[in-house]
Amino acid sequence: MSHEITFDEGVALTDKVVNEKLTGLANSLKAVTAYIAKAKGKGVRTSLLLLSAMQKNGLISPNAPVAAASVEILHMATLIHDDVIDNSPIRRGVQTVHEKFGTKEAVISGDYLLCMSMNLVFDLLENNNERYANLTRVLTKAISRICIGEYEQMLQNGNLDIDVPKYLKIIHGKTAALFYAAAHFGAIFSDCCDEDIKRVSAFGRYLGVIFQIMDDCKDYQLTQDEAKKPVKSDASAGVITLPLIFAMQKNIELKNLANEVMLNKVDGLLLAREVIEIGGVRDAKSLALRYKRKAAKTISAIKNETKKDALLRVLNDIEI
């Protein structure tokens, strides 16, 4: 396929590449990767990449879905490893890979998906387009930032004195780095000038920050059925997120309750109620709203109005 494609065709082609890669193996990992293929997410990063790749005529390079597949598979790898670290039994309403197949199998399959993601990018380099040369650098830098973000979070595990800047530094790595890479990848495949590539990439980073803040709020607000994963569990696992940080700033005594939750002496539901009542979730959403405004301002100057409007629609669809 050499002609440009529509956004919907790009989404379908991304899904096709991901499914073929995960189900077309002829080795002992096939059962694991086929299981992973059934539990794909909503494709938020795919949409971001493809919209960032949109030309002025609304069409997209046929190479963009291959990059989107690379990002999606990398995301799956990080989730598998996250679930092992967090010992999470459920992800998107189904058993996690380590629960179904075992911890060693999960780690190995996550590593395998990481290699698969990078191989997809290497395939694109055969195009000999000079702009594509940045793809590997962007991808490897994103992987490094994700790893550092996760490690920083582990170091801060159980630290009830963590502040907002430290929290933001962690999520800029563990979540926003991949959003940044997706947006950057898309911009490379489009008619963006260098300055617009920077703007679109920054937009992706801000979107990732918003996404993580809202996800952290959901842990305090949603039921397990609604979230399709364990909730009211961040604090009990020692993960101190923004709603709790803001709540503890308003009421220092909440640290005692949070500590009791981490020691499994008190149900996390009680802490969640206190955090919501004190205003921790509300304050976290206020910060997310500030990032939403920053994201909109960042792409206000890009020359491609079609791309700008599409990205703004994505941004405005996020309920805060």
Foldseek 3Di string as FASTA:
>chain_A
DFDWAALVVLVVVLLVVLQCVQQVDPDPCNVLSNVLNVQFDPLPLLSLLQLLQAELVRTHGSLSSLLSNLLSLLVSLLVLVVCLVLVWQWDQQHGRSCNVPNSVSSNVVSVVSNVVSVVSLVVVCVVVDPLSVCLNVLVVVLVVLLVVLVVLQVVQQQPLPDADVSQLSSQLRNFLSSLLSSSLNSNSRYPFDPLLSVLSSVLSSLVRSLVVLVVLLCLLPPPCVVNRTHGLCCLLRRRDHQLSNVLCVQPVCLSVVSVCSVVVNDRSNVSSVSSVVSCSSVVSVVVNVVSLVVSLVSNPPTPSPSSSVSSNVVSVVDDD
